[in-house]
Protein backbone atom coordinates (compact mmCIF):
# COMPACT_ATOMS: atom_id res chain seq x y z
CA MET A 1 12.22 11.39 -10.85
CA GLU A 2 15.27 9.52 -13.19
CA ASN A 3 14.08 6.32 -14.62
CA LYS A 4 17.06 3.79 -13.85
CA GLU A 5 17.10 0.27 -15.14
CA SER A 6 14.70 -2.01 -13.17
CA VAL A 7 15.25 -4.88 -11.36
CA PHE A 8 13.89 -6.79 -14.30
CA GLY A 9 16.52 -5.20 -16.84
CA HIS A 10 14.48 -2.95 -18.55
CA ASP A 11 13.13 0.36 -17.87
CA CYS A 12 9.72 0.74 -16.18
CA PRO A 13 7.93 3.94 -15.43
CA HIS A 14 6.73 2.93 -12.01
CA CYS A 15 9.52 0.51 -10.70
CA ILE A 16 12.61 2.88 -10.36
CA GLY A 17 16.03 1.72 -9.36
CA VAL A 18 17.88 -1.47 -8.95
CA CYS A 19 18.33 -2.19 -5.10
CA ASP A 20 16.14 0.60 -3.49
CA ARG A 21 13.02 -1.04 -5.81
CA ILE A 22 11.17 2.05 -5.14
CA THR A 23 7.58 2.97 -7.14
CA ALA A 24 7.22 6.66 -8.79
CA ARG A 25 3.88 7.88 -8.32
CA SER A 26 1.96 11.10 -9.17
CA GLN A 27 2.14 13.58 -6.60
CA GLU A 28 -1.90 12.89 -6.58
CA ASP A 29 -1.67 9.57 -5.78
CA ARG A 30 1.14 10.02 -3.04
CA LYS A 31 -1.30 12.93 -1.46
CA ALA A 32 -4.33 10.81 -1.84
CA LEU A 33 -2.76 7.74 -0.30
CA SER A 34 -1.21 9.87 2.47
CA ASN A 35 -4.29 11.28 3.07
CA ARG A 36 -6.00 8.00 3.62
CA LEU A 37 -3.10 7.08 6.20
CA ASN A 38 -3.48 10.35 8.31
CA ARG A 39 -7.18 9.54 8.73
CA ILE A 40 -6.09 6.20 9.96
CA VAL A 41 -3.65 7.30 12.37
CA GLY A 42 -6.25 10.01 13.54
CA GLN A 43 -8.62 7.11 14.12
CA ILE A 44 -5.74 5.26 16.01
CA ASN A 45 -5.18 8.30 18.27
CA GLY A 46 -8.78 8.65 18.72
CA ILE A 47 -8.89 4.72 19.90
CA ASN A 48 -5.89 5.48 22.24
CA ARG A 49 -7.55 8.47 23.71
CA MET A 50 -10.62 6.14 24.13
CA LEU A 51 -8.71 3.62 26.27
CA GLN A 52 -7.13 6.43 28.56
CA GLU A 53 -10.32 7.31 29.29
CA ASN A 54 -11.49 4.06 30.14
CA THR A 55 -14.06 3.96 27.66
CA TYR A 56 -16.53 0.73 27.68
CA PRO A 57 -14.76 -1.73 25.58
CA PRO A 58 -17.07 -2.33 23.06
CA LYS A 59 -17.21 1.18 21.81
CA ILE A 60 -13.35 0.84 21.40
CA LEU A 61 -13.57 -2.32 19.71
CA VAL A 62 -16.22 -0.64 17.33
CA GLN A 63 -13.27 1.94 16.16
CA VAL A 64 -11.09 -0.76 16.24
CA SER A 65 -12.76 -2.54 13.65
CA ALA A 66 -13.36 0.68 11.83
CA ALA A 67 -9.59 1.59 11.62
CA SER A 68 -8.58 -2.22 10.62
CA ALA A 69 -11.36 -1.83 7.66
CA ALA A 70 -9.61 1.49 6.59
CA LEU A 71 -6.20 0.21 6.59
CA ASN A 72 -7.55 -3.04 4.53
CA SER A 73 -8.84 -0.73 2.12
CA PHE A 74 -5.59 1.39 1.94
CA SER A 75 -3.96 -2.05 1.41
CA LYS A 76 -6.34 -3.03 -1.45
CA GLU A 77 -5.84 0.00 -2.98
CA LEU A 78 -2.24 0.01 -3.25
CA PHE A 79 -2.08 -3.19 -4.34
CA LYS A 80 -4.71 -2.60 -7.23
CA ASP A 81 -1.94 0.14 -8.07
CA PHE A 82 0.81 -2.25 -8.04
CA VAL A 83 -0.83 -4.76 -10.11
CA SER A 84 -2.34 -2.27 -12.65
CA SER A 85 1.20 -0.47 -13.03
CA CYS A 86 3.99 -2.38 -12.24
CA VAL A 87 2.67 -5.58 -12.86
CA ALA A 88 1.18 -4.89 -15.96
CA GLU A 89 4.08 -3.11 -17.35
CA HIS A 90 6.35 -6.14 -16.91
CA LEU A 91 3.80 -8.38 -18.08
CA LYS A 92 3.55 -5.92 -21.42
CA THR A 93 7.17 -6.99 -22.29
CA GLY A 94 6.93 -10.26 -21.49
CA ASP A 95 8.81 -10.10 -18.00
CA THR A 96 7.22 -12.29 -15.56
CA GLU A 97 9.32 -12.25 -12.64
CA VAL A 98 6.79 -9.53 -11.08
CA LEU A 99 4.55 -12.46 -10.85
CA ASP A 100 6.42 -13.59 -7.73
CA ASP A 101 6.58 -10.51 -6.20
CA MET A 102 2.59 -10.10 -6.92
CA THR A 103 2.35 -13.58 -5.33
CA GLU A 104 4.47 -13.24 -2.26
CA THR A 105 2.55 -10.11 -1.60
CA LEU A 106 -1.02 -11.86 -1.83
CA LYS A 107 0.41 -14.64 0.58
CA LYS A 108 1.25 -11.83 3.41
CA MET A 109 -1.79 -10.08 2.82
CA LEU A 110 -3.75 -13.07 3.38
CA GLN A 111 -2.22 -14.33 6.01
């Protein structure tokens, strides 16, 4: 993937593009994140089956809680990657604008 000038005015190996603001990830990282999401999709599909089968609500709620925890874990992993790659790279160059993105993201995550 070709590096373009980032929205912060310099090349960053993690933040590619000016308007599209995509993040370069290794194939291994993408696969690991995708596998986690696929497991979550499987959990959601299982919950839907339970609903269609008129499963007792407390059993469904336990599965909803597990799926929610898995999605929260995915979010934490993605956020950790963002901070350790994108944010760190920008701060090393003295570019603090990325902190606004990080702050806004945290606000939304904590709502």
